[in-house]
Protein backbone atom coordinates (compact mmCIF):
# COMPACT_ATOMS: atom_id res chain seq x y z
CA UNK A 1 -21.13 -25.28 4.30
CA UNK A 2 -18.68 -27.22 6.44
CA UNK A 3 -15.37 -25.54 7.30
CA UNK A 4 -12.25 -26.26 9.34
CA UNK A 5 -11.70 -24.24 11.51
CA UNK A 6 -15.43 -24.50 12.10
CA UNK A 7 -17.82 -21.64 11.37
CA UNK A 8 -21.15 -22.21 13.11
CA UNK A 9 -24.33 -21.91 10.97
CA UNK A 10 -22.26 -21.28 7.85
CA UNK A 11 -23.70 -20.56 4.40
CA UNK A 12 -22.20 -19.12 1.25
CA UNK A 13 -22.66 -16.16 -1.08
CA UNK A 14 -20.84 -14.98 -4.23
CA UNK A 15 -19.32 -18.34 -5.17
CA UNK A 16 -16.81 -18.11 -8.02
CA UNK A 17 -13.82 -20.00 -9.41
CA UNK A 18 -11.44 -17.78 -7.44
CA UNK A 19 -13.16 -17.63 -4.06
CA UNK A 20 -16.28 -17.60 -1.97
CA UNK A 21 -18.05 -15.35 0.50
CA UNK A 22 -19.17 -16.97 3.75
CA UNK A 23 -21.60 -15.86 6.42
CA UNK A 24 -21.91 -17.68 9.72
CA UNK A 25 -22.23 -17.29 13.46
CA UNK A 26 -18.95 -18.44 15.03
CA UNK A 27 -19.00 -18.56 18.78
CA UNK A 28 -17.24 -15.74 20.57
CA UNK A 29 -13.50 -15.83 19.92
CA UNK A 30 -13.77 -18.74 17.47
CA UNK A 31 -13.58 -19.12 13.72
CA UNK A 32 -10.75 -18.39 11.27
CA UNK A 33 -8.94 -15.05 11.29
CA UNK A 34 -7.54 -13.01 8.40
CA UNK A 35 -4.58 -14.73 6.74
CA UNK A 36 -5.51 -18.14 8.18
CA UNK A 37 -5.84 -21.26 6.00
CA UNK A 38 -9.31 -22.77 5.71
CA UNK A 39 -10.62 -26.11 4.46
CA UNK A 40 -14.13 -26.16 3.00
CA UNK A 41 -16.78 -28.65 1.95
CA UNK A 42 -19.30 -27.20 -0.49
CA UNK A 43 -22.37 -29.22 -1.44
CA UNK A 44 -23.36 -27.89 -4.85
CA UNK A 45 -27.15 -27.98 -5.45
CA UNK A 46 -26.72 -30.09 -8.59
CA UNK A 47 -24.52 -32.77 -6.96
CA UNK A 48 -24.63 -35.29 -4.11
CA UNK A 49 -20.88 -35.41 -3.28
CA UNK A 50 -19.38 -32.40 -1.50
CA UNK A 51 -16.71 -30.40 -3.29
CA UNK A 52 -13.59 -30.05 -1.12
CA UNK A 53 -11.32 -27.04 -1.40
CA UNK A 54 -8.58 -25.18 0.44
CA UNK A 55 -8.58 -21.44 0.89
CA UNK A 56 -7.19 -18.45 2.75
CA UNK A 57 -9.27 -15.90 4.66
CA UNK A 58 -8.54 -12.50 3.10
CA UNK A 59 -10.92 -10.50 5.28
CA UNK A 60 -13.30 -10.98 8.19
CA UNK A 61 -16.00 -8.68 9.50
CA UNK A 62 -17.74 -9.40 12.83
CA UNK A 63 -21.11 -7.96 13.75
CA UNK A 64 -21.18 -5.74 16.82
CA UNK A 65 -24.10 -7.58 18.40
CA UNK A 66 -23.61 -10.33 20.98
CA UNK A 67 -26.83 -12.06 19.86
CA UNK A 68 -26.18 -15.75 19.24
CA UNK A 69 -27.60 -15.33 15.74
CA UNK A 70 -25.35 -12.38 14.89
CA UNK A 71 -23.26 -13.21 11.86
CA UNK A 72 -19.68 -12.76 10.76
CA UNK A 73 -18.75 -12.31 7.11
CA UNK A 74 -15.63 -13.88 5.56
CA UNK A 75 -13.95 -13.40 2.19
CA UNK A 76 -12.06 -16.56 1.18
CA UNK A 77 -9.71 -17.03 -1.79
CA UNK A 78 -9.35 -20.59 -3.09
CA UNK A 79 -5.78 -21.95 -2.99
CA UNK A 80 -6.52 -25.50 -4.20
CA UNK A 81 -9.13 -28.15 -4.87
CA UNK A 82 -9.31 -31.87 -4.12
CA UNK A 83 -9.48 -34.20 -7.13
CA UNK A 84 -11.62 -32.69 -9.91
CA UNK A 85 -13.21 -30.07 -7.67
CA UNK A 86 -12.25 -27.11 -9.86
CA UNK A 87 -13.79 -28.73 -12.95
CA UNK A 88 -17.01 -29.55 -11.06
CA UNK A 89 -17.22 -25.99 -9.80
CA UNK A 90 -16.68 -24.57 -13.30
CA UNK A 91 -19.47 -26.75 -14.71
CA UNK A 92 -21.81 -25.66 -11.95
CA UNK A 93 -21.05 -21.98 -12.53
CA UNK A 94 -21.62 -22.33 -16.29
CA UNK A 95 -25.23 -23.39 -15.64
CA UNK A 96 -28.16 -20.99 -15.24
CA UNK A 97 -27.04 -18.51 -12.55
CA UNK A 98 -30.54 -17.77 -11.25
CA UNK A 99 -32.45 -20.41 -9.27
CA UNK A 100 -36.16 -20.36 -8.54
CA UNK A 101 -38.02 -22.69 -6.17
CA UNK A 102 -41.59 -23.71 -7.04
CA UNK A 103 -43.84 -25.19 -4.33
CA UNK A 104 -46.99 -27.31 -4.70
CA UNK A 105 -47.18 -27.11 -8.49
CA UNK A 106 -49.43 -29.72 -10.14
CA UNK A 107 -48.59 -31.22 -13.52
CA UNK A 108 -50.23 -28.42 -15.51
CA UNK A 109 -48.61 -25.65 -13.43
CA UNK A 110 -45.24 -27.35 -13.63
CA UNK A 111 -45.43 -27.46 -17.43
CA UNK A 112 -46.42 -23.78 -17.49
CA UNK A 113 -43.41 -22.83 -15.33
CA UNK A 114 -41.04 -24.80 -17.54
CA UNK A 115 -42.38 -23.25 -20.73
CA UNK A 116 -42.23 -19.73 -19.31
CA UNK A 117 -38.94 -19.82 -17.41
CA UNK A 118 -36.72 -22.84 -18.07
CA UNK A 119 -34.70 -20.96 -20.70
CA UNK A 120 -33.62 -18.22 -18.25
CA UNK A 121 -33.61 -19.77 -14.76
CA UNK A 122 -33.05 -23.12 -13.09
CA UNK A 123 -36.31 -24.37 -11.61
CA UNK A 124 -36.44 -26.59 -8.54
CA UNK A 125 -39.80 -28.10 -7.63
CA UNK A 126 -40.91 -29.23 -4.18
CA UNK A 127 -44.17 -30.81 -3.06
CA UNK A 128 -43.58 -31.16 0.69
CA UNK A 129 -42.55 -28.55 3.25
CA UNK A 130 -39.30 -30.27 4.31
CA UNK A 131 -38.27 -30.46 0.66
CA UNK A 132 -38.99 -26.76 0.08
CA UNK A 133 -37.31 -25.81 3.35
CA UNK A 134 -34.14 -27.65 2.33
CA UNK A 135 -34.06 -25.77 -0.99
CA UNK A 136 -34.47 -22.39 0.72
CA UNK A 137 -31.94 -23.15 3.44
CA UNK A 138 -29.15 -23.43 0.83
CA UNK A 139 -29.30 -19.66 0.40
CA UNK A 140 -28.89 -19.62 -3.41
CA UNK A 141 -32.55 -19.25 -4.42
CA UNK A 142 -33.62 -15.87 -5.78
CA UNK A 143 -37.38 -16.41 -5.77
CA UNK A 144 -39.97 -18.79 -4.34
CA UNK A 145 -43.22 -19.29 -6.29
CA UNK A 146 -46.05 -20.78 -4.21
CA UNK A 147 -48.83 -22.54 -6.16
CA UNK A 148 -51.85 -24.71 -5.35
CA UNK A 149 -55.51 -24.54 -4.37
CA UNK A 150 -54.94 -24.98 -0.62
CA UNK A 151 -54.84 -21.47 0.86
CA UNK A 152 -53.94 -22.68 4.37
CA UNK A 153 -51.00 -24.69 3.05
CA UNK A 154 -49.80 -21.74 0.97
CA UNK A 155 -50.07 -19.29 3.87
CA UNK A 156 -48.22 -21.67 6.17
CA UNK A 157 -45.40 -21.92 3.63
CA UNK A 158 -45.07 -18.12 3.57
CA UNK A 159 -44.56 -18.18 7.34
CA UNK A 160 -42.16 -21.13 7.05
CA UNK A 161 -40.09 -19.30 4.44
CA UNK A 162 -39.84 -16.32 6.80
CA UNK A 163 -38.73 -18.63 9.62
CA UNK A 164 -36.06 -20.18 7.39
CA UNK A 165 -34.85 -16.66 6.59
CA UNK A 166 -34.69 -15.74 10.27
CA UNK A 167 -32.76 -18.93 11.02
CA UNK A 168 -30.27 -18.81 8.17
CA UNK A 169 -29.98 -15.26 6.87
CA UNK A 170 -29.45 -13.12 9.97
CA UNK A 171 -26.99 -10.39 10.82
CA UNK A 172 -27.00 -8.58 14.16
CA UNK A 173 -30.23 -10.42 14.92
CA UNK A 174 -32.19 -8.79 12.08
CA UNK A 175 -33.50 -10.38 8.82
CA UNK A 176 -31.33 -9.59 5.85
CA UNK A 177 -32.32 -8.55 2.35
CA UNK A 178 -30.79 -11.72 0.91
CA UNK A 179 -33.87 -13.91 1.35
CA UNK A 180 -35.72 -15.36 -1.65
CA UNK A 181 -38.53 -13.10 -2.91
CA UNK A 182 -41.91 -14.80 -2.64
CA UNK A 183 -44.24 -14.75 -5.65
CA UNK A 184 -47.74 -15.86 -4.61
CA UNK A 185 -49.47 -17.92 -7.33
CA UNK A 186 -51.96 -19.79 -5.13
CA UNK A 187 -55.56 -19.37 -4.04
CA UNK A 188 -56.11 -16.87 -1.23
CA UNK A 189 -58.46 -14.27 0.15
CA UNK A 190 -57.56 -10.70 -0.73
CA UNK A 191 -57.49 -9.59 2.93
CA UNK A 192 -55.06 -12.36 3.89
CA UNK A 193 -52.79 -11.59 0.96
CA UNK A 194 -52.87 -7.87 1.71
CA UNK A 195 -51.87 -8.61 5.29
CA UNK A 196 -48.83 -10.57 4.08
CA UNK A 197 -47.87 -7.70 1.78
CA UNK A 198 -48.08 -5.28 4.71
CA UNK A 199 -45.80 -7.56 6.71
CA UNK A 200 -43.34 -7.47 3.75
CA UNK A 201 -43.47 -11.26 3.40
CA UNK A 202 -44.71 -11.23 -0.21
CA UNK A 203 -43.05 -9.56 -3.17
CA UNK A 204 -45.56 -10.12 -5.99
CA UNK A 205 -48.90 -11.83 -6.57
CA UNK A 206 -49.89 -13.44 -9.88
CA UNK A 207 -53.62 -13.58 -10.49
CA UNK A 208 -55.25 -16.85 -11.42
CA UNK A 209 -55.47 -18.43 -13.88
CA UNK A 210 -51.73 -18.31 -14.53
CA UNK A 211 -50.43 -17.16 -17.91
CA UNK A 212 -46.94 -17.47 -19.42
CA UNK A 213 -46.49 -13.70 -19.73
CA UNK A 214 -47.68 -12.76 -16.24
CA UNK A 215 -45.70 -15.57 -14.61
CA UNK A 216 -42.48 -14.76 -16.44
CA UNK A 217 -42.78 -11.03 -15.67
CA UNK A 218 -43.43 -11.55 -11.95
CA UNK A 219 -40.71 -14.15 -11.35
CA UNK A 220 -38.03 -12.33 -13.35
CA UNK A 221 -38.90 -9.06 -11.60
CA UNK A 222 -38.47 -10.80 -8.24
CA UNK A 223 -35.14 -12.33 -9.32
CA UNK A 224 -33.88 -8.96 -10.58
CA UNK A 225 -34.75 -7.20 -7.34
CA UNK A 226 -33.07 -9.95 -5.32
CA UNK A 227 -29.92 -9.71 -7.46
CA UNK A 228 -29.79 -5.94 -6.95
CA UNK A 229 -30.03 -6.30 -3.17
CA UNK A 230 -27.32 -8.97 -3.12
CA UNK A 231 -25.00 -6.77 -5.20
CA UNK A 232 -25.65 -3.78 -2.95
CA UNK A 233 -24.81 -5.89 0.08
CA UNK A 234 -21.62 -7.12 -1.55
CA UNK A 235 -20.56 -3.59 -2.51
CA UNK A 236 -21.34 -2.26 0.97
CA UNK A 237 -19.23 -4.99 2.58
CA UNK A 238 -16.40 -4.36 0.12
CA UNK A 239 -16.45 -0.60 0.69
CA UNK A 240 -16.54 -1.10 4.43
CA UNK A 241 -13.59 -3.48 4.37
CA UNK A 242 -11.57 -1.15 2.13
CA UNK A 243 -12.19 1.75 4.50
CA UNK A 244 -11.17 -0.36 7.48
CA UNK A 245 -7.99 -1.50 5.72
CA UNK A 246 -7.06 2.09 4.84
CA UNK A 247 -7.53 3.15 8.45
CA UNK A 248 -5.46 0.19 9.63
CA UNK A 249 -2.66 1.04 7.20
CA UNK A 250 -2.64 4.66 8.35
CA UNK A 251 -2.62 3.68 12.01
CA UNK A 252 -0.02 0.91 11.69
CA UNK A 253 0.12 -2.14 13.97
CA UNK A 254 -0.70 -1.79 17.63
CA UNK A 255 2.71 -1.52 19.26
CA UNK A 256 1.96 -2.02 22.93
CA UNK A 257 0.49 -4.83 25.00
CA UNK A 258 -3.09 -4.57 26.15
CA UNK A 259 -2.84 -4.08 29.87
CA UNK A 260 0.40 -2.64 31.10
CA UNK A 261 2.43 -1.42 28.16
CA UNK A 262 6.07 -2.48 27.75
CA UNK A 263 7.13 -2.22 31.38
CA UNK A 264 6.82 1.52 31.93
CA UNK A 265 9.12 2.71 34.69
CA UNK A 266 8.62 6.47 34.79
CA UNK A 267 6.36 7.88 37.52
CA UNK A 268 4.57 9.98 34.89
CA UNK A 269 3.45 6.97 32.80
CA UNK A 270 2.68 4.84 35.85
CA UNK A 271 0.31 7.63 36.88
CA UNK A 272 -1.26 7.68 33.40
CA UNK A 273 -1.82 3.92 33.46
CA UNK A 274 -3.40 4.16 36.90
CA UNK A 275 -5.83 6.77 35.56
CA UNK A 276 -6.63 4.48 32.61
CA UNK A 277 -7.38 1.58 34.96
CA UNK A 278 -9.61 3.83 37.04
CA UNK A 279 -11.75 5.18 34.20
CA UNK A 280 -11.86 2.14 31.88
CA UNK A 281 -14.78 0.30 33.56
CA UNK A 282 -17.11 3.31 33.41
CA UNK A 283 -18.99 4.63 30.37
CA UNK A 284 -17.69 8.17 30.51
CA UNK A 285 -16.02 10.19 27.78
CA UNK A 286 -12.23 10.23 27.99
CA UNK A 287 -10.08 13.02 26.56
CA UNK A 288 -6.38 12.28 25.98
CA UNK A 289 -4.19 15.35 25.59
CA UNK A 290 -0.53 15.35 24.65
CA UNK A 291 2.03 15.93 21.93
CA UNK A 292 1.90 14.07 18.63
CA UNK A 293 3.35 10.57 18.84
CA UNK A 294 3.02 10.08 22.60
CA UNK A 295 0.83 6.99 22.22
CA UNK A 296 -2.69 8.35 22.70
CA UNK A 297 -4.25 5.79 20.35
CA UNK A 298 -2.50 2.98 22.21
CA UNK A 299 -3.93 4.26 25.48
CA UNK A 300 -7.40 4.48 23.93
CA UNK A 301 -7.14 0.80 22.97
CA UNK A 302 -6.17 -0.02 26.55
CA UNK A 303 -9.23 1.90 27.79
CA UNK A 304 -11.41 -0.15 25.43
CA UNK A 305 -9.93 -3.52 26.28
CA UNK A 306 -10.01 -2.95 30.02
CA UNK A 307 -13.73 -2.05 29.83
CA UNK A 308 -16.79 -4.28 29.63
CA UNK A 309 -16.90 -3.41 25.91
CA UNK A 310 -13.73 -5.34 25.19
CA UNK A 311 -15.60 -7.85 23.00
CA UNK A 312 -17.25 -5.07 21.01
CA UNK A 313 -15.75 -3.23 18.04
CA UNK A 314 -13.08 -0.56 18.36
CA UNK A 315 -12.93 1.92 15.47
CA UNK A 316 -10.48 4.77 14.88
CA UNK A 317 -10.79 7.96 12.86
CA UNK A 318 -8.25 10.75 12.49
CA UNK A 319 -10.26 13.96 12.22
CA UNK A 320 -7.38 15.78 10.56
CA UNK A 321 -7.20 13.65 7.41
CA UNK A 322 -10.63 14.26 5.81
CA UNK A 323 -12.71 17.21 4.71
CA UNK A 324 -15.81 18.07 6.72
CA UNK A 325 -18.17 16.36 4.24
CA UNK A 326 -16.16 13.14 4.03
CA UNK A 327 -15.61 13.06 7.79
CA UNK A 328 -19.33 13.44 8.41
CA UNK A 329 -20.02 10.56 6.02
CA UNK A 330 -17.36 8.43 7.74
CA UNK A 331 -18.75 9.07 11.20
CA UNK A 332 -22.50 9.03 10.58
CA UNK A 333 -22.80 7.12 7.28
CA UNK A 334 -24.70 8.08 4.14
CA UNK A 335 -27.62 6.80 2.11
CA UNK A 336 -27.54 5.92 -1.54
CA UNK A 337 -27.63 9.03 -3.70
CA UNK A 338 -26.72 11.42 -0.88
CA UNK A 339 -23.87 12.78 -3.02
CA UNK A 340 -21.95 11.94 -6.17
CA UNK A 341 -20.35 8.52 -5.78
CA UNK A 342 -22.74 7.32 -3.06
CA UNK A 343 -23.73 4.18 -4.97
CA UNK A 344 -25.11 2.35 -1.93
CA UNK A 345 -26.00 2.88 1.70
CA UNK A 346 -22.87 3.11 3.86
CA UNK A 347 -22.94 2.59 7.63
CA UNK A 348 -20.93 5.15 9.59
CA UNK A 349 -18.38 4.43 12.29
CA UNK A 350 -20.86 5.09 15.08
CA UNK A 351 -23.15 2.38 13.66
CA UNK A 352 -20.26 -0.03 13.11
CA UNK A 353 -19.06 0.58 16.68
CA UNK A 354 -22.46 -0.03 18.30
CA UNK A 355 -21.72 -1.76 21.61
CA UNK A 356 -18.05 -0.74 21.45
CA UNK A 357 -15.76 2.28 21.38
CA UNK A 358 -15.03 5.08 18.88
CA UNK A 359 -11.66 6.85 19.09
CA UNK A 360 -11.48 10.26 17.39
CA UNK A 361 -7.92 11.56 17.09
CA UNK A 362 -7.10 15.24 16.51
CA UNK A 363 -10.61 16.24 17.54
CA UNK A 364 -9.48 19.87 17.46
CA UNK A 365 -9.58 19.75 13.63
CA UNK A 366 -13.37 19.37 13.45
CA UNK A 367 -15.57 22.27 12.29
CA UNK A 368 -18.23 23.93 14.47
CA UNK A 369 -20.95 22.32 12.32
CA UNK A 370 -19.57 18.83 12.82
CA UNK A 371 -18.98 19.53 16.51
CA UNK A 372 -22.70 20.31 16.87
CA UNK A 373 -23.60 16.96 15.30
CA UNK A 374 -21.15 15.12 17.56
CA UNK A 375 -22.72 16.83 20.55
CA UNK A 376 -26.17 15.60 19.47
CA UNK A 377 -24.90 12.01 19.25
CA UNK A 378 -23.45 12.25 22.74
CA UNK A 379 -26.63 13.75 24.19
CA UNK A 380 -29.26 11.59 22.45
CA UNK A 381 -27.37 8.46 21.34
CA UNK A 382 -29.00 8.86 17.91
CA UNK A 383 -27.25 8.96 14.54
CA UNK A 384 -28.69 10.14 11.24
CA UNK A 385 -26.90 9.27 8.00
CA UNK A 386 -26.02 11.98 5.48
CA UNK A 387 -28.98 12.35 3.14
CA UNK A 388 -31.18 10.19 5.34
CA UNK A 389 -34.38 10.99 7.21
CA UNK A 390 -34.36 8.24 9.83
CA UNK A 391 -32.27 8.09 12.99
CA UNK A 392 -30.68 5.05 14.56
CA UNK A 393 -29.93 4.67 18.24
CA UNK A 394 -26.41 3.50 19.06
CA UNK A 395 -24.59 2.59 22.27
CA UNK A 396 -21.05 3.87 21.83
CA UNK A 397 -18.32 5.03 24.19
CA UNK A 398 -16.35 7.98 22.86
CA UNK A 399 -12.62 8.48 23.48
CA UNK A 400 -11.04 11.56 21.93
CA UNK A 401 -7.52 12.91 21.63
CA UNK A 402 -6.02 16.32 20.97
CA UNK A 403 -2.52 17.63 20.32
CA UNK A 404 -3.54 21.04 21.69
CA UNK A 405 -5.00 22.35 24.91
CA UNK A 406 -8.71 22.28 24.05
CA UNK A 407 -9.58 24.62 26.91
CA UNK A 408 -7.48 27.30 25.20
CA UNK A 409 -9.32 26.59 21.91
CA UNK A 410 -12.62 27.06 23.75
CA UNK A 411 -11.52 30.46 25.07
CA UNK A 412 -10.43 31.54 21.59
CA UNK A 413 -13.71 30.36 20.05
CA UNK A 414 -12.15 27.64 17.88
CA UNK A 415 -13.93 24.82 19.74
CA UNK A 416 -17.48 24.62 21.07
CA UNK A 417 -17.59 24.89 24.83
CA UNK A 418 -20.66 22.63 25.19
CA UNK A 419 -18.93 19.81 23.31
CA UNK A 420 -15.71 20.33 25.24
CA UNK A 421 -17.51 19.94 28.57
CA UNK A 422 -19.02 16.66 27.33
CA UNK A 423 -15.67 15.33 26.11
CA UNK A 424 -13.51 16.20 29.11
CA UNK A 425 -15.46 14.22 31.69
CA UNK A 426 -12.14 12.49 32.38
CA UNK A 427 -9.03 14.14 30.95
CA UNK A 428 -5.68 12.36 30.91
CA UNK A 429 -2.51 14.30 30.12
CA UNK A 430 0.01 12.13 28.26
CA UNK A 431 3.59 13.37 28.90
CA UNK A 432 6.16 13.63 26.07
CA UNK A 433 8.97 11.09 25.93
CA UNK A 434 11.62 13.69 26.74
CA UNK A 435 10.09 14.11 30.21
CA UNK A 436 10.08 10.39 31.00
CA UNK A 437 13.45 9.08 29.90
CA UNK A 438 13.13 6.14 32.29
CA UNK A 439 10.83 4.60 29.65
CA UNK A 440 13.17 5.00 26.65
CA UNK A 441 15.16 1.78 27.13
CA UNK A 442 12.10 -0.27 28.13
CA UNK A 443 10.21 0.94 25.05
CA UNK A 444 13.24 0.29 22.83
CA UNK A 445 13.64 -3.29 24.07
CA UNK A 446 9.93 -3.90 23.55
CA UNK A 447 10.07 -2.56 19.99
CA UNK A 448 13.05 -4.82 19.24
CA UNK A 449 10.98 -7.86 20.27
CA UNK A 450 7.96 -6.57 18.38
CA UNK A 451 9.82 -6.02 15.09
CA UNK A 452 11.75 -9.26 15.46
CA UNK A 453 8.38 -11.00 15.39
CA UNK A 454 6.88 -8.83 12.66
CA UNK A 455 9.86 -9.01 10.29
CA UNK A 456 11.02 -12.52 11.28
CA UNK A 457 14.39 -11.29 12.46
CA UNK A 458 16.60 -12.57 15.28
CA UNK A 459 18.22 -9.43 16.70
CA UNK A 460 19.52 -10.09 20.22
CA UNK A 461 18.89 -6.65 21.71
CA UNK A 462 20.62 -3.32 22.26
CA UNK A 463 24.27 -2.71 23.02
CA UNK A 464 25.23 -0.50 25.96
CA UNK A 465 26.46 2.21 23.57
CA UNK A 466 23.12 2.13 21.71
CA UNK A 467 21.15 2.48 24.93
CA UNK A 468 23.27 5.50 25.86
CA UNK A 469 22.61 7.05 22.45
CA UNK A 470 18.86 6.51 22.76
CA UNK A 471 18.77 7.97 26.26
CA UNK A 472 20.63 11.07 25.12
CA UNK A 473 18.41 11.77 22.08
CA UNK A 474 15.81 14.61 22.38
CA UNK A 475 12.90 12.65 20.78
CA UNK A 476 10.81 15.53 19.45
CA UNK A 477 8.63 12.91 17.70
CA UNK A 478 8.08 11.04 20.97
CA UNK A 479 7.27 7.30 21.02
CA UNK A 480 6.41 7.24 17.30
CA UNK A 481 9.88 8.55 16.44
CA UNK A 482 11.53 5.99 18.74
CA UNK A 483 9.47 3.21 17.21
CA UNK A 484 10.57 4.15 13.69
CA UNK A 485 14.24 4.37 14.72
CA UNK A 486 14.15 0.91 16.29
CA UNK A 487 12.36 -0.63 13.30
CA UNK A 488 15.09 0.69 11.00
CA UNK A 489 17.79 -0.63 13.32
CA UNK A 490 16.20 -4.09 13.48
CA UNK A 491 16.12 -4.27 9.69
CA UNK A 492 19.78 -3.25 9.42
CA UNK A 493 21.13 -5.39 12.25
CA UNK A 494 22.36 -8.93 11.40
CA UNK A 495 20.52 -11.85 12.99
CA UNK A 496 22.11 -12.92 16.27
CA UNK A 497 23.82 -9.54 16.86
CA UNK A 498 23.16 -6.60 19.14
CA UNK A 499 22.00 -3.30 17.68
CA UNK A 500 25.00 -0.96 17.62
CA UNK A 501 25.00 2.82 17.11
CA UNK A 502 26.01 2.16 13.49
CA UNK A 503 22.47 0.88 12.85
CA UNK A 504 20.94 4.12 14.16
CA UNK A 505 20.39 7.14 11.88
CA UNK A 506 23.42 9.46 11.89
CA UNK A 507 21.65 12.14 13.94
CA UNK A 508 21.40 9.70 16.87
CA UNK A 509 24.95 8.30 16.75
CA UNK A 510 26.67 11.47 17.98
CA UNK A 511 25.07 10.92 21.38
CA UNK A 512 26.51 7.43 21.89
CA UNK A 513 29.71 8.33 23.74
CA UNK A 514 30.44 7.56 27.38
CA UNK A 515 29.32 10.16 29.91
CA UNK A 516 31.92 12.92 30.01
CA UNK A 517 33.31 12.10 26.51
CA UNK A 518 34.79 15.18 24.85
CA UNK A 519 33.19 16.94 21.92
CA UNK A 520 36.24 16.10 19.76
CA UNK A 521 35.82 12.36 20.30
CA UNK A 522 32.09 12.56 19.63
CA UNK A 523 32.72 14.38 16.36
CA UNK A 524 35.31 11.74 15.42
CA UNK A 525 32.75 9.01 16.07
CA UNK A 526 30.23 10.81 13.88
CA UNK A 527 32.79 11.22 11.08
CA UNK A 528 33.78 7.55 11.28
CA UNK A 529 30.16 6.37 11.00
CA UNK A 530 29.40 8.76 8.13
CA UNK A 531 32.40 7.66 6.08
CA UNK A 532 31.85 3.98 6.85
CA UNK A 533 28.21 4.14 5.74
CA UNK A 534 29.18 5.91 2.51
CA UNK A 535 31.79 3.25 1.73
CA UNK A 536 29.29 0.49 2.47
CA UNK A 537 26.74 1.99 0.08
CA UNK A 538 29.32 2.08 -2.73
CA UNK A 539 31.00 -1.30 -2.12
CA UNK A 540 34.16 0.29 -0.75
CA UNK A 541 34.80 2.49 -3.83
CA UNK A 542 36.41 5.64 -2.38
CA UNK A 543 35.78 8.01 -5.30
CA UNK A 544 32.04 7.31 -5.44
CA UNK A 545 31.67 7.57 -1.66
CA UNK A 546 33.57 10.88 -1.69
CA UNK A 547 31.38 12.29 -4.48
CA UNK A 548 28.26 11.41 -2.50
CA UNK A 549 29.55 13.33 0.52
CA UNK A 550 30.86 16.25 -1.58
CA UNK A 551 34.50 15.56 -0.61
CA UNK A 552 37.76 15.43 -2.55
CA UNK A 553 38.57 11.70 -3.07
CA UNK A 554 42.15 12.20 -1.85
CA UNK A 555 40.94 13.89 1.35
CA UNK A 556 38.30 11.19 1.81
CA UNK A 557 40.90 8.41 1.43
CA UNK A 558 43.27 10.10 3.91
CA UNK A 559 40.51 10.51 6.52
CA UNK A 560 39.29 6.94 5.96
CA UNK A 561 42.82 5.51 6.50
CA UNK A 562 43.24 7.61 9.62
CA UNK A 563 39.98 6.21 10.98
CA UNK A 564 41.02 2.63 9.96
CA UNK A 565 38.16 2.33 7.46
CA UNK A 566 40.44 1.38 4.53
CA UNK A 567 43.82 -0.42 4.51
CA UNK A 568 46.91 1.84 4.72
CA UNK A 569 48.74 2.63 1.49
CA UNK A 570 51.40 -0.02 0.70
CA UNK A 571 53.80 2.82 -0.18
CA UNK A 572 52.80 5.03 2.72
CA UNK A 573 51.33 7.67 0.42
CA UNK A 574 48.41 9.79 1.54
CA UNK A 575 47.69 11.72 -1.60
CA UNK A 576 46.92 8.97 -4.09
CA UNK A 577 43.66 7.56 -2.74
CA UNK A 578 44.84 3.96 -3.04
CA UNK A 579 42.45 1.03 -2.90
CA UNK A 580 39.14 0.99 -4.77
CA UNK A 581 38.92 4.41 -6.38
CA UNK A 582 37.10 3.60 -9.63
């Protein structure tokens, strides 16, 4: 496969008329990202001219390893083909879907293979090692049948096939289960063949002399097993991506810059950031404590990206959103058949985050049983999947967050003391927004810029009255509440204008008066904004706006004229509700 942007060592899986799966080893920081356009050249096995297509990367998954052979997986949807590319691809896909390579077959063996298998698979014959290697390197061969009377040549080809697998089908530096299954049909001593079986380099052996029935059974069995492994891999990748997307949707976009945040000015947050800078380079557990919505996940990302693990994965799990069983499966993984619906092996977050950081939010919601298992991971670095018998060692930094004082939970018996003492190696208290009002305007201006970019708007900023309103608000929902208020205001504000109090929710507009403004004037401002919004929602029709607010239309019209929201009556009347009253 040749792509632009380039993907190093790229090969393809799951080719269809709608898209293609790619696996390659892009250099660090390179390769296409999700949503990016991609140009591809695909050399179909049956043709000599590459097929050229355009696509879009729908998802990307990078291995946690820094090994140069570690792979990244890409899901690409085709958006167009050059010339007759779509027709050529359709013809190729209509052919036999299973391909089998046959090495060193003489004329008689070749005829036997064709009689036994040509109706169900596509056979590709090779007589020289470079020719066989080229067939295997394509990555679309399900089985390799090795024939011939030369045992040394056959044994060497087994080793060569393994080397091709290592070179082309690797992920996190380990051989994958996508390699062609080897069916040994050649001469060979029993001890040598047994040794290859023990090394898991052979799948089946067919005794000589070859027969149609034995050959067909062995090759089709190998192809079926290969197809099952490929489908399991595809399903595992799909499940993993779906889980990651769900977590991303729940978390929302990262709202703050990596290093400093949006120009924090309060002494409290400057102190928090200094603590983050101090602890980030060291592999110690960090516990973030503070009210909901104060930005603990954002700070955990800063910890990760200021550490030497910045190039590793960062995974997030909210411990308050899943039951104990599902949360255990999410964190530690499960094996196929561990419970109903476990159709394939699923790697847990600790395995996915190997070499990186795991952030567990609302850690106080975990059960004592799960807390014991978390403690074991922290103490031993070993993870065992649900339903599994084997453990896997992982290198993960753990950052946790709690909305409560965990030390109080320890005293009351709701949280294990031994786990608490492992988690609070470095505790950072995150103050609520109401205690650091110096940050309100800086955060608001940052969110305006952020949502301008995200929603392709051109809002110019905040008016002075809006800044006063934001400073006066109590912000019980902290930074998350402020973020939502500013996003709404950006969507309502016209391009090229400043955000005015009218674009804020009504509960925030009553605080927009000048310092020292009387209660009467503030109430008048609130009334004006409420009536104006109601009229806007009903295209200026007084009766409908009045019904929405539960007011008499005549009273509504009188108040609206007094507040200059509707033109005065041409006859000076106040009781008729002139204007649009339908």
